[in-house]
């Protein structure tokens, strides 16, 4: 089953890929194959925008924010992300990208200028140092991943995109405080997310 678009808690989401350069200890992929009643593992990934936009249209989602966030890292499929974002923006939707921040490392270039149709980029900071980041994310990019995330966030900010960092509350108050200091120094706000253990099955 290929659910390229789905709704959760009143918002629409775009699911572009299974690929992700991280294997985070708290990821919902560890505890299920989707969210609520929607399976999100893809049998085949979309290769152009038509299948994704058709799935989105079937949601009959009339207004609000559309979030690029599925069971993989959206920037692993830039060839589809970019035209879908462009079309959704043309239709008047607000757009947000939830990302692990590794898009520049994955694609081997600065992708921030290509994200001009994204209103908000939400970057998973995950922790406050390269070593602690790697322990949480088990990134395939090793210790270089953390600096890659910071650089990506800076480049998105320089491109005029609203950027926020997020961490999950499981890392503890001390590390959250250190993340806040790092974010303050970079001039990027931090949002602390609550750990979801049940893949949103208990969510209203």
N, C-alpha and C. Protein backbone atom coordinates (compact mmCIF):
# COMPACT_ATOMS: atom_id res chain seq x y z
N UNK A 1 0.84 -1.18 0.00
CA UNK A 1 0.00 0.00 0.00
C UNK A 1 0.88 1.24 0.00
N UNK A 2 0.49 2.25 -0.79
CA UNK A 2 1.28 3.47 -0.89
C UNK A 2 0.44 4.67 -0.50
N UNK A 3 0.52 5.06 0.75
CA UNK A 3 -0.18 6.23 1.23
C UNK A 3 0.76 7.43 1.15
N UNK A 4 0.69 8.12 0.02
CA UNK A 4 1.56 9.27 -0.20
C UNK A 4 1.05 10.51 0.52
N UNK A 5 -0.21 10.50 0.92
CA UNK A 5 -0.78 11.62 1.67
C UNK A 5 -1.72 11.06 2.73
N UNK A 6 -1.75 11.71 3.87
CA UNK A 6 -2.61 11.25 4.97
C UNK A 6 -2.92 12.42 5.88
N UNK A 7 -3.89 12.24 6.76
CA UNK A 7 -4.21 13.27 7.74
C UNK A 7 -3.98 12.73 9.14
N UNK A 8 -3.60 13.63 10.03
CA UNK A 8 -3.37 13.29 11.43
C UNK A 8 -3.63 14.54 12.26
N UNK A 9 -4.52 14.41 13.24
CA UNK A 9 -4.83 15.51 14.16
C UNK A 9 -5.18 16.80 13.41
N UNK A 10 -5.95 16.65 12.35
CA UNK A 10 -6.47 17.81 11.64
C UNK A 10 -5.55 18.42 10.60
N UNK A 11 -4.37 17.85 10.38
CA UNK A 11 -3.46 18.38 9.38
C UNK A 11 -3.19 17.34 8.30
N UNK A 12 -2.79 17.82 7.14
CA UNK A 12 -2.45 16.93 6.04
C UNK A 12 -0.94 16.75 5.98
N UNK A 13 -0.52 15.53 5.65
CA UNK A 13 0.90 15.17 5.60
C UNK A 13 1.23 14.51 4.27
N UNK A 14 2.46 14.71 3.83
CA UNK A 14 2.95 14.12 2.59
C UNK A 14 4.06 13.13 2.92
N UNK A 15 3.92 11.90 2.44
CA UNK A 15 4.82 10.79 2.74
C UNK A 15 5.55 10.39 1.45
N UNK A 16 6.83 10.75 1.33
CA UNK A 16 7.53 10.62 0.05
C UNK A 16 8.50 9.45 -0.06
N UNK A 17 8.93 8.89 1.08
CA UNK A 17 10.01 7.91 1.00
C UNK A 17 10.08 7.09 2.29
N UNK A 18 10.69 5.92 2.19
CA UNK A 18 11.04 5.13 3.37
C UNK A 18 12.46 5.43 3.83
N UNK A 19 13.25 6.09 3.01
CA UNK A 19 14.67 6.26 3.29
C UNK A 19 14.91 7.27 4.41
N UNK A 20 15.88 6.97 5.26
CA UNK A 20 16.30 7.92 6.28
C UNK A 20 17.74 7.58 6.68
N UNK A 21 18.56 8.62 6.78
CA UNK A 21 19.95 8.41 7.16
C UNK A 21 20.16 8.20 8.64
N UNK A 22 19.10 8.36 9.43
CA UNK A 22 19.17 8.14 10.86
C UNK A 22 18.33 6.93 11.25
N UNK A 23 18.60 6.41 12.44
CA UNK A 23 17.80 5.33 13.03
C UNK A 23 17.56 5.70 14.49
N UNK A 24 16.79 6.76 14.70
CA UNK A 24 16.63 7.35 16.03
C UNK A 24 16.01 6.36 17.02
N UNK A 25 16.50 6.43 18.23
CA UNK A 25 16.05 5.49 19.26
C UNK A 25 14.58 5.68 19.60
N UNK A 26 14.03 6.88 19.39
CA UNK A 26 12.66 7.18 19.76
C UNK A 26 11.70 7.19 18.57
N UNK A 27 12.17 6.82 17.38
CA UNK A 27 11.37 6.95 16.17
C UNK A 27 10.13 6.06 16.20
N UNK A 28 9.00 6.58 15.68
CA UNK A 28 7.77 5.79 15.62
C UNK A 28 7.92 4.59 14.68
N UNK A 29 8.92 4.62 13.80
CA UNK A 29 9.15 3.46 12.93
C UNK A 29 9.54 2.22 13.74
N UNK A 30 10.04 2.43 14.95
CA UNK A 30 10.45 1.30 15.79
C UNK A 30 9.28 0.55 16.40
N UNK A 31 8.11 1.19 16.40
CA UNK A 31 6.98 0.61 17.14
C UNK A 31 5.74 0.36 16.29
N UNK A 32 5.85 0.52 14.99
CA UNK A 32 4.69 0.25 14.14
C UNK A 32 4.97 0.60 12.69
N UNK A 33 3.99 0.34 11.83
CA UNK A 33 4.18 0.58 10.41
C UNK A 33 3.40 1.79 9.92
N UNK A 34 2.90 2.61 10.87
CA UNK A 34 2.15 3.79 10.47
C UNK A 34 1.69 4.57 11.69
N UNK A 35 0.78 5.52 11.46
CA UNK A 35 0.21 6.30 12.54
C UNK A 35 -1.30 6.13 12.53
N UNK A 36 -1.84 5.96 13.73
CA UNK A 36 -3.27 5.65 13.88
C UNK A 36 -3.64 4.50 12.93
N UNK A 37 -4.58 4.71 12.01
CA UNK A 37 -5.01 3.62 11.14
C UNK A 37 -4.38 3.70 9.75
N UNK A 38 -3.35 4.52 9.59
CA UNK A 38 -2.75 4.73 8.28
C UNK A 38 -1.39 4.07 8.17
N UNK A 39 -1.24 3.01 7.38
CA UNK A 39 0.09 2.43 7.13
C UNK A 39 0.92 3.40 6.30
N UNK A 40 2.20 3.56 6.65
CA UNK A 40 3.04 4.53 5.96
C UNK A 40 4.27 3.93 5.28
N UNK A 41 4.57 2.66 5.54
CA UNK A 41 5.65 2.04 4.77
C UNK A 41 5.22 1.96 3.31
N UNK A 42 6.08 2.36 2.40
CA UNK A 42 5.75 2.40 0.98
C UNK A 42 6.27 1.16 0.26
N UNK A 43 5.42 0.58 -0.58
CA UNK A 43 5.86 -0.50 -1.46
C UNK A 43 6.71 0.06 -2.60
N UNK A 44 6.35 1.23 -3.07
CA UNK A 44 7.15 1.92 -4.09
C UNK A 44 7.04 3.42 -3.85
N UNK A 45 8.17 4.11 -3.98
CA UNK A 45 8.19 5.54 -3.73
C UNK A 45 7.76 6.30 -4.97
N UNK A 46 7.11 7.46 -4.80
CA UNK A 46 6.68 8.23 -5.97
C UNK A 46 7.89 8.76 -6.74
N UNK A 47 7.79 8.77 -8.05
CA UNK A 47 8.87 9.24 -8.90
C UNK A 47 8.55 10.58 -9.56
N UNK A 48 7.30 11.01 -9.45
CA UNK A 48 6.96 12.37 -9.89
C UNK A 48 5.79 12.86 -9.05
N UNK A 49 5.41 14.11 -9.24
CA UNK A 49 4.43 14.73 -8.35
C UNK A 49 3.01 14.26 -8.58
N UNK A 50 2.71 13.66 -9.72
CA UNK A 50 1.32 13.37 -10.05
C UNK A 50 0.67 12.41 -9.08
N UNK A 51 1.35 11.34 -8.72
CA UNK A 51 0.77 10.36 -7.79
C UNK A 51 0.55 10.98 -6.42
N UNK A 52 1.46 11.83 -5.99
CA UNK A 52 1.35 12.46 -4.68
C UNK A 52 0.19 13.45 -4.65
N UNK A 53 0.09 14.27 -5.68
CA UNK A 53 -0.99 15.25 -5.72
C UNK A 53 -2.35 14.58 -5.87
N UNK A 54 -2.40 13.47 -6.59
CA UNK A 54 -3.65 12.72 -6.69
C UNK A 54 -4.07 12.18 -5.33
N UNK A 55 -3.11 11.66 -4.57
CA UNK A 55 -3.40 11.16 -3.22
C UNK A 55 -3.82 12.31 -2.30
N UNK A 56 -3.17 13.44 -2.45
CA UNK A 56 -3.54 14.60 -1.64
C UNK A 56 -4.95 15.06 -1.96
N UNK A 57 -5.29 15.13 -3.24
CA UNK A 57 -6.63 15.56 -3.64
C UNK A 57 -7.69 14.64 -3.07
N UNK A 58 -7.39 13.36 -2.95
CA UNK A 58 -8.35 12.39 -2.41
C UNK A 58 -8.65 12.64 -0.94
N UNK A 59 -7.78 13.36 -0.25
CA UNK A 59 -8.03 13.68 1.16
C UNK A 59 -9.15 14.70 1.32
N UNK A 60 -9.40 15.47 0.26
CA UNK A 60 -10.39 16.55 0.30
C UNK A 60 -10.06 17.54 1.43
N UNK A 61 -8.81 17.90 1.51
CA UNK A 61 -8.29 18.82 2.53
C UNK A 61 -8.32 20.22 1.93
N UNK A 62 -9.19 21.06 2.46
CA UNK A 62 -9.49 22.32 1.78
C UNK A 62 -8.55 23.47 2.16
N UNK A 63 -8.11 23.53 3.41
CA UNK A 63 -7.28 24.66 3.81
C UNK A 63 -6.44 24.29 5.02
N UNK A 64 -5.38 25.06 5.24
CA UNK A 64 -4.53 24.82 6.40
C UNK A 64 -3.10 24.50 5.98
N UNK A 65 -2.38 23.86 6.90
CA UNK A 65 -0.97 23.57 6.69
C UNK A 65 -0.79 22.15 6.15
N UNK A 66 0.10 22.01 5.18
CA UNK A 66 0.48 20.70 4.68
C UNK A 66 1.93 20.45 5.09
N UNK A 67 2.17 19.29 5.71
CA UNK A 67 3.48 18.99 6.28
C UNK A 67 4.14 17.84 5.51
N UNK A 68 5.36 18.07 5.08
CA UNK A 68 6.14 16.99 4.47
C UNK A 68 6.78 16.20 5.61
N UNK A 69 6.17 15.06 5.91
CA UNK A 69 6.62 14.23 7.04
C UNK A 69 5.96 12.88 6.90
N UNK A 70 6.76 11.84 6.68
CA UNK A 70 6.19 10.51 6.56
C UNK A 70 7.02 9.50 7.32
N UNK A 71 7.27 8.36 6.72
CA UNK A 71 8.06 7.32 7.40
C UNK A 71 9.51 7.29 6.94
N UNK A 72 9.91 8.35 6.28
CA UNK A 72 11.29 8.53 5.89
C UNK A 72 11.62 10.01 5.87
N UNK A 73 12.81 10.35 5.47
CA UNK A 73 13.26 11.74 5.42
C UNK A 73 12.88 12.35 4.07
N UNK A 74 12.00 13.37 4.07
CA UNK A 74 11.49 13.90 2.80
C UNK A 74 12.56 14.37 1.83
N UNK A 75 13.69 14.90 2.34
CA UNK A 75 14.72 15.41 1.43
C UNK A 75 15.49 14.30 0.74
N UNK A 76 15.20 13.05 1.08
CA UNK A 76 15.74 11.92 0.32
C UNK A 76 15.06 11.79 -1.04
N UNK A 77 13.94 12.52 -1.23
CA UNK A 77 13.21 12.48 -2.50
C UNK A 77 12.93 13.91 -2.97
N UNK A 78 14.01 14.66 -3.17
CA UNK A 78 13.88 16.06 -3.58
C UNK A 78 13.20 16.20 -4.93
N UNK A 79 13.37 15.23 -5.80
CA UNK A 79 12.80 15.31 -7.15
C UNK A 79 11.28 15.41 -7.12
N UNK A 80 10.66 14.91 -6.06
CA UNK A 80 9.21 14.99 -5.92
C UNK A 80 8.81 16.06 -4.91
N UNK A 81 9.59 16.21 -3.85
CA UNK A 81 9.27 17.21 -2.83
C UNK A 81 9.13 18.60 -3.45
N UNK A 82 10.08 18.99 -4.28
CA UNK A 82 10.10 20.36 -4.82
C UNK A 82 8.87 20.68 -5.65
N UNK A 83 8.49 19.86 -6.65
CA UNK A 83 7.30 20.21 -7.43
C UNK A 83 5.99 20.10 -6.66
N UNK A 84 5.92 19.18 -5.70
CA UNK A 84 4.70 19.09 -4.88
C UNK A 84 4.57 20.34 -4.01
N UNK A 85 5.66 20.77 -3.39
CA UNK A 85 5.62 21.98 -2.57
C UNK A 85 5.22 23.19 -3.42
N UNK A 86 5.77 23.26 -4.63
CA UNK A 86 5.45 24.38 -5.51
C UNK A 86 3.95 24.42 -5.82
N UNK A 87 3.38 23.25 -6.12
CA UNK A 87 1.95 23.21 -6.47
C UNK A 87 1.08 23.50 -5.26
N UNK A 88 1.43 22.96 -4.10
CA UNK A 88 0.62 23.22 -2.91
C UNK A 88 0.69 24.70 -2.53
N UNK A 89 1.86 25.29 -2.67
CA UNK A 89 1.99 26.72 -2.40
C UNK A 89 1.15 27.53 -3.38
N UNK A 90 1.15 27.13 -4.64
CA UNK A 90 0.34 27.82 -5.66
C UNK A 90 -1.13 27.77 -5.30
N UNK A 91 -1.56 26.67 -4.68
CA UNK A 91 -2.97 26.51 -4.29
C UNK A 91 -3.31 27.28 -3.01
N UNK A 92 -2.32 27.85 -2.37
CA UNK A 92 -2.59 28.67 -1.19
C UNK A 92 -2.39 28.00 0.15
N UNK A 93 -1.85 26.79 0.16
CA UNK A 93 -1.60 26.09 1.42
C UNK A 93 -0.32 26.62 2.08
N UNK A 94 -0.31 26.63 3.41
CA UNK A 94 0.94 26.82 4.14
C UNK A 94 1.70 25.49 4.11
N UNK A 95 3.02 25.57 4.01
CA UNK A 95 3.81 24.35 3.87
C UNK A 95 4.89 24.29 4.94
N UNK A 96 5.09 23.09 5.45
CA UNK A 96 6.14 22.87 6.44
C UNK A 96 6.90 21.59 6.09
N UNK A 97 8.20 21.63 6.29
CA UNK A 97 9.05 20.45 6.12
C UNK A 97 9.56 20.01 7.47
N UNK A 98 9.21 18.80 7.87
CA UNK A 98 9.80 18.17 9.06
C UNK A 98 10.97 17.32 8.59
N UNK A 99 12.16 17.66 9.05
CA UNK A 99 13.36 17.05 8.48
C UNK A 99 14.39 16.72 9.53
N UNK A 100 15.22 15.72 9.24
CA UNK A 100 16.34 15.41 10.13
C UNK A 100 17.52 16.35 9.90
N UNK A 101 17.42 17.22 8.92
CA UNK A 101 18.46 18.21 8.68
C UNK A 101 19.67 17.71 7.92
N UNK A 102 19.58 16.51 7.39
CA UNK A 102 20.72 15.92 6.69
C UNK A 102 20.62 16.06 5.17
N UNK A 103 19.68 16.87 4.71
CA UNK A 103 19.42 16.97 3.28
C UNK A 103 20.60 17.39 2.44
N UNK A 104 21.45 18.28 2.96
CA UNK A 104 22.63 18.69 2.19
C UNK A 104 23.64 17.55 2.07
N UNK A 105 23.80 16.79 3.16
CA UNK A 105 24.71 15.65 3.13
C UNK A 105 24.17 14.55 2.21
N UNK A 106 22.87 14.32 2.25
CA UNK A 106 22.25 13.29 1.42
C UNK A 106 22.38 13.62 -0.06
N UNK A 107 22.14 14.88 -0.40
CA UNK A 107 22.09 15.28 -1.81
C UNK A 107 23.41 15.81 -2.34
N UNK A 108 24.37 16.01 -1.46
CA UNK A 108 25.68 16.47 -1.91
C UNK A 108 25.71 17.89 -2.41
N UNK A 109 24.76 18.72 -1.94
CA UNK A 109 24.71 20.12 -2.35
C UNK A 109 23.87 20.89 -1.33
N UNK A 110 23.92 22.20 -1.42
CA UNK A 110 23.06 23.04 -0.60
C UNK A 110 21.66 23.07 -1.21
N UNK A 111 20.71 22.41 -0.56
CA UNK A 111 19.35 22.33 -1.11
C UNK A 111 18.45 23.46 -0.62
N UNK A 112 18.93 24.31 0.29
CA UNK A 112 18.08 25.35 0.86
C UNK A 112 17.42 26.23 -0.21
N UNK A 113 18.15 26.67 -1.25
CA UNK A 113 17.48 27.51 -2.28
C UNK A 113 16.35 26.78 -3.00
N UNK A 114 16.38 25.46 -3.01
CA UNK A 114 15.34 24.69 -3.68
C UNK A 114 14.08 24.56 -2.83
N UNK A 115 14.15 25.00 -1.59
CA UNK A 115 13.02 24.88 -0.66
C UNK A 115 12.24 26.18 -0.55
N UNK A 116 12.28 27.01 -1.58
CA UNK A 116 11.66 28.33 -1.51
C UNK A 116 10.14 28.28 -1.36
N UNK A 117 9.52 27.16 -1.68
CA UNK A 117 8.06 27.03 -1.52
C UNK A 117 7.68 26.39 -0.19
N UNK A 118 8.65 26.24 0.70
CA UNK A 118 8.41 25.77 2.06
C UNK A 118 8.40 26.97 3.00
N UNK A 119 7.34 27.12 3.77
CA UNK A 119 7.23 28.26 4.70
C UNK A 119 8.06 28.06 5.95
N UNK A 120 8.01 26.85 6.50
CA UNK A 120 8.70 26.55 7.76
C UNK A 120 9.47 25.26 7.61
N UNK A 121 10.74 25.29 8.00
CA UNK A 121 11.55 24.08 8.07
C UNK A 121 11.77 23.75 9.54
N UNK A 122 11.26 22.59 9.96
CA UNK A 122 11.39 22.12 11.34
C UNK A 122 12.48 21.04 11.35
N UNK A 123 13.60 21.35 12.01
CA UNK A 123 14.78 20.50 11.98
C UNK A 123 14.94 19.77 13.30
N UNK A 124 15.09 18.45 13.24
CA UNK A 124 15.31 17.65 14.44
C UNK A 124 16.75 17.81 14.90
N UNK A 125 16.94 18.58 15.96
CA UNK A 125 18.28 18.80 16.50
C UNK A 125 18.75 17.58 17.29
N UNK A 126 17.84 16.99 18.02
CA UNK A 126 18.03 15.71 18.72
C UNK A 126 18.91 15.76 19.97
N UNK A 127 20.00 16.51 19.94
CA UNK A 127 20.80 16.66 21.16
C UNK A 127 21.81 17.79 20.97
N UNK A 128 22.65 18.00 21.97
CA UNK A 128 23.43 19.24 22.06
C UNK A 128 24.89 19.11 21.62
N UNK A 129 25.39 17.91 21.40
CA UNK A 129 26.76 17.72 20.91
C UNK A 129 26.76 16.62 19.86
N UNK A 130 27.85 16.58 19.10
CA UNK A 130 27.96 15.57 18.04
C UNK A 130 27.90 14.16 18.60
N UNK A 131 28.54 13.95 19.73
CA UNK A 131 28.57 12.61 20.33
C UNK A 131 27.19 12.20 20.83
N UNK A 132 26.52 13.12 21.50
CA UNK A 132 25.18 12.80 22.03
C UNK A 132 24.17 12.68 20.89
N UNK A 133 24.33 13.48 19.86
CA UNK A 133 23.47 13.37 18.69
C UNK A 133 23.60 11.98 18.07
N UNK A 134 24.81 11.52 17.89
CA UNK A 134 25.03 10.22 17.27
C UNK A 134 24.47 9.09 18.12
N UNK A 135 24.58 9.21 19.45
CA UNK A 135 24.04 8.17 20.33
C UNK A 135 22.53 8.05 20.19
N UNK A 136 21.86 9.17 19.96
CA UNK A 136 20.40 9.17 19.83
C UNK A 136 19.97 8.75 18.43
N UNK A 137 20.67 9.25 17.42
CA UNK A 137 20.21 9.07 16.04
C UNK A 137 20.81 7.87 15.32
N UNK A 138 22.01 7.43 15.76
CA UNK A 138 22.72 6.34 15.08
C UNK A 138 22.84 6.62 13.58
N UNK A 139 23.20 7.87 13.28
CA UNK A 139 23.24 8.34 11.89
C UNK A 139 24.29 7.63 11.06
N UNK A 140 23.97 7.38 9.81
CA UNK A 140 24.94 6.76 8.89
C UNK A 140 26.06 7.74 8.55
N UNK A 141 25.89 9.01 8.87
CA UNK A 141 26.93 10.00 8.61
C UNK A 141 27.89 10.17 9.77
N UNK A 142 27.69 9.38 10.83
CA UNK A 142 28.60 9.42 11.96
C UNK A 142 28.64 10.76 12.66
N UNK A 143 29.79 11.11 13.21
CA UNK A 143 29.92 12.34 13.99
C UNK A 143 29.75 13.60 13.14
N UNK A 144 29.94 13.49 11.83
CA UNK A 144 29.79 14.65 10.96
C UNK A 144 28.33 15.07 10.80
N UNK A 145 27.40 14.20 11.19
CA UNK A 145 25.98 14.50 11.00
C UNK A 145 25.56 15.75 11.76
N UNK A 146 26.02 15.90 12.98
CA UNK A 146 25.57 17.02 13.83
C UNK A 146 25.93 18.36 13.19
N UNK A 147 27.16 18.52 12.76
CA UNK A 147 27.55 19.77 12.10
C UNK A 147 26.77 19.96 10.80
N UNK A 148 26.47 18.86 10.13
CA UNK A 148 25.66 18.94 8.91
C UNK A 148 24.28 19.49 9.18
N UNK A 149 23.70 19.09 10.31
CA UNK A 149 22.37 19.57 10.70
C UNK A 149 22.42 21.07 10.99
N UNK A 150 23.41 21.50 11.76
CA UNK A 150 23.54 22.91 12.10
C UNK A 150 23.75 23.76 10.84
N UNK A 151 24.58 23.27 9.94
CA UNK A 151 24.86 24.01 8.70
C UNK A 151 23.61 24.10 7.84
N UNK A 152 22.86 23.01 7.75
CA UNK A 152 21.62 23.02 6.97
C UNK A 152 20.64 24.04 7.52
N UNK A 153 20.47 24.07 8.83
CA UNK A 153 19.55 25.01 9.45
C UNK A 153 19.98 26.45 9.17
N UNK A 154 21.26 26.71 9.28
CA UNK A 154 21.77 28.05 8.99
C UNK A 154 21.53 28.44 7.54
N UNK A 155 21.75 27.52 6.64
CA UNK A 155 21.57 27.83 5.21
C UNK A 155 20.09 28.08 4.89
N UNK A 156 19.19 27.35 5.54
CA UNK A 156 17.76 27.60 5.34
C UNK A 156 17.39 28.99 5.87
N UNK A 157 17.94 29.34 7.02
CA UNK A 157 17.69 30.66 7.60
C UNK A 157 18.21 31.75 6.67
N UNK A 158 19.41 31.56 6.12
CA UNK A 158 20.00 32.53 5.20
C UNK A 158 19.18 32.66 3.91
N UNK A 159 18.47 31.57 3.56
CA UNK A 159 17.63 31.59 2.36
C UNK A 159 16.28 32.25 2.60
N UNK A 160 16.06 32.72 3.84
CA UNK A 160 14.83 33.43 4.17
C UNK A 160 13.68 32.54 4.60
N UNK A 161 13.97 31.30 4.92
CA UNK A 161 12.94 30.35 5.37
C UNK A 161 12.87 30.41 6.90
N UNK A 162 11.66 30.37 7.45
CA UNK A 162 11.50 30.28 8.90
C UNK A 162 11.98 28.90 9.34
N UNK A 163 12.87 28.86 10.32
CA UNK A 163 13.47 27.62 10.79
C UNK A 163 13.22 27.46 12.29
N UNK A 164 12.87 26.26 12.70
CA UNK A 164 12.82 25.93 14.12
C UNK A 164 13.57 24.61 14.33
N UNK A 165 14.15 24.49 15.51
CA UNK A 165 14.75 23.23 15.92
C UNK A 165 13.77 22.51 16.84
N UNK A 166 13.84 21.19 16.86
CA UNK A 166 13.05 20.41 17.81
C UNK A 166 13.94 19.37 18.49
N UNK A 167 13.57 19.04 19.71
CA UNK A 167 14.15 17.89 20.41
C UNK A 167 13.00 17.14 21.07
N UNK A 168 13.21 15.87 21.33
CA UNK A 168 12.21 15.07 22.03
C UNK A 168 12.57 15.04 23.52
N UNK A 169 11.57 15.09 24.36
CA UNK A 169 11.79 15.27 25.80
C UNK A 169 12.53 14.12 26.48
N UNK A 170 12.75 13.01 25.76
CA UNK A 170 13.42 11.86 26.37
C UNK A 170 14.91 12.11 26.64
N UNK A 171 15.48 13.18 26.08
CA UNK A 171 16.92 13.39 26.26
C UNK A 171 17.26 13.98 27.63
N UNK A 172 16.26 14.42 28.38
CA UNK A 172 16.50 14.91 29.74
C UNK A 172 16.64 16.42 29.80
N UNK A 173 16.36 16.97 30.99
CA UNK A 173 16.31 18.42 31.17
C UNK A 173 17.65 19.10 30.94
N UNK A 174 18.75 18.47 31.37
CA UNK A 174 20.06 19.09 31.22
C UNK A 174 20.43 19.25 29.75
N UNK A 175 20.24 18.20 28.97
CA UNK A 175 20.57 18.29 27.55
C UNK A 175 19.60 19.21 26.82
N UNK A 176 18.34 19.24 27.24
CA UNK A 176 17.40 20.18 26.63
C UNK A 176 17.86 21.61 26.89
N UNK A 177 18.31 21.89 28.10
CA UNK A 177 18.81 23.23 28.43
C UNK A 177 20.02 23.60 27.58
N UNK A 178 20.92 22.64 27.36
CA UNK A 178 22.08 22.90 26.52
C UNK A 178 21.70 23.09 25.06
N UNK A 179 20.67 22.36 24.61
CA UNK A 179 20.15 22.58 23.26
C UNK A 179 19.58 23.99 23.13
N UNK A 180 18.89 24.44 24.17
CA UNK A 180 18.31 25.78 24.16
C UNK A 180 19.41 26.84 24.03
N UNK A 181 20.51 26.66 24.73
CA UNK A 181 21.62 27.61 24.63
C UNK A 181 22.18 27.63 23.21
N UNK A 182 22.35 26.45 22.63
CA UNK A 182 22.86 26.36 21.27
C UNK A 182 21.93 27.07 20.29
N UNK A 183 20.65 26.83 20.45
CA UNK A 183 19.66 27.44 19.56
C UNK A 183 19.63 28.95 19.72
N UNK A 184 19.71 29.42 20.97
CA UNK A 184 19.74 30.86 21.21
C UNK A 184 20.94 31.50 20.53
N UNK A 185 22.09 30.83 20.59
CA UNK A 185 23.30 31.36 19.95
C UNK A 185 23.16 31.44 18.44
N UNK A 186 22.37 30.52 17.87
CA UNK A 186 22.16 30.50 16.43
C UNK A 186 20.99 31.38 15.99
N UNK A 187 20.22 31.88 16.96
CA UNK A 187 19.06 32.69 16.64
C UNK A 187 17.92 31.90 16.02
N UNK A 188 17.82 30.63 16.42
CA UNK A 188 16.75 29.75 15.92
C UNK A 188 15.97 29.22 17.11
N UNK A 189 14.65 29.35 17.11
CA UNK A 189 13.86 28.87 18.26
C UNK A 189 13.88 27.36 18.39
N UNK A 190 13.64 26.90 19.62
CA UNK A 190 13.61 25.47 19.93
C UNK A 190 12.23 25.08 20.43
N UNK A 191 11.73 23.96 19.93
CA UNK A 191 10.48 23.39 20.43
C UNK A 191 10.77 22.00 20.99
N UNK A 192 10.29 21.74 22.20
CA UNK A 192 10.47 20.43 22.83
C UNK A 192 9.24 19.59 22.55
N UNK A 193 9.45 18.45 21.91
CA UNK A 193 8.34 17.56 21.55
C UNK A 193 8.20 16.44 22.56
N UNK A 194 6.97 16.06 22.79
CA UNK A 194 6.69 14.96 23.70
C UNK A 194 6.90 13.62 23.00
N UNK A 195 7.51 12.69 23.67
CA UNK A 195 7.73 11.36 23.11
C UNK A 195 6.40 10.66 22.86
N UNK A 196 6.24 10.10 21.67
CA UNK A 196 5.03 9.37 21.32
C UNK A 196 5.38 7.89 21.24
N UNK A 197 4.83 7.10 22.15
CA UNK A 197 5.19 5.68 22.23
C UNK A 197 4.20 4.79 21.50
N UNK A 198 3.02 5.33 21.17
CA UNK A 198 1.95 4.46 20.64
C UNK A 198 1.57 4.82 19.21
N UNK A 199 2.46 5.51 18.49
CA UNK A 199 2.19 5.88 17.09
C UNK A 199 0.88 6.64 16.92
N UNK A 200 0.56 7.46 17.91
CA UNK A 200 -0.61 8.33 17.90
C UNK A 200 -1.94 7.58 17.95
N UNK A 201 -1.91 6.31 18.31
CA UNK A 201 -3.16 5.55 18.36
C UNK A 201 -4.10 6.05 19.45
N UNK A 202 -3.54 6.68 20.47
CA UNK A 202 -4.38 7.22 21.54
C UNK A 202 -4.74 8.67 21.35
N UNK A 203 -4.28 9.30 20.25
CA UNK A 203 -4.51 10.70 20.01
C UNK A 203 -5.94 10.94 19.53
N UNK A 204 -6.47 12.07 19.91
CA UNK A 204 -7.84 12.44 19.48
C UNK A 204 -7.77 13.09 18.11
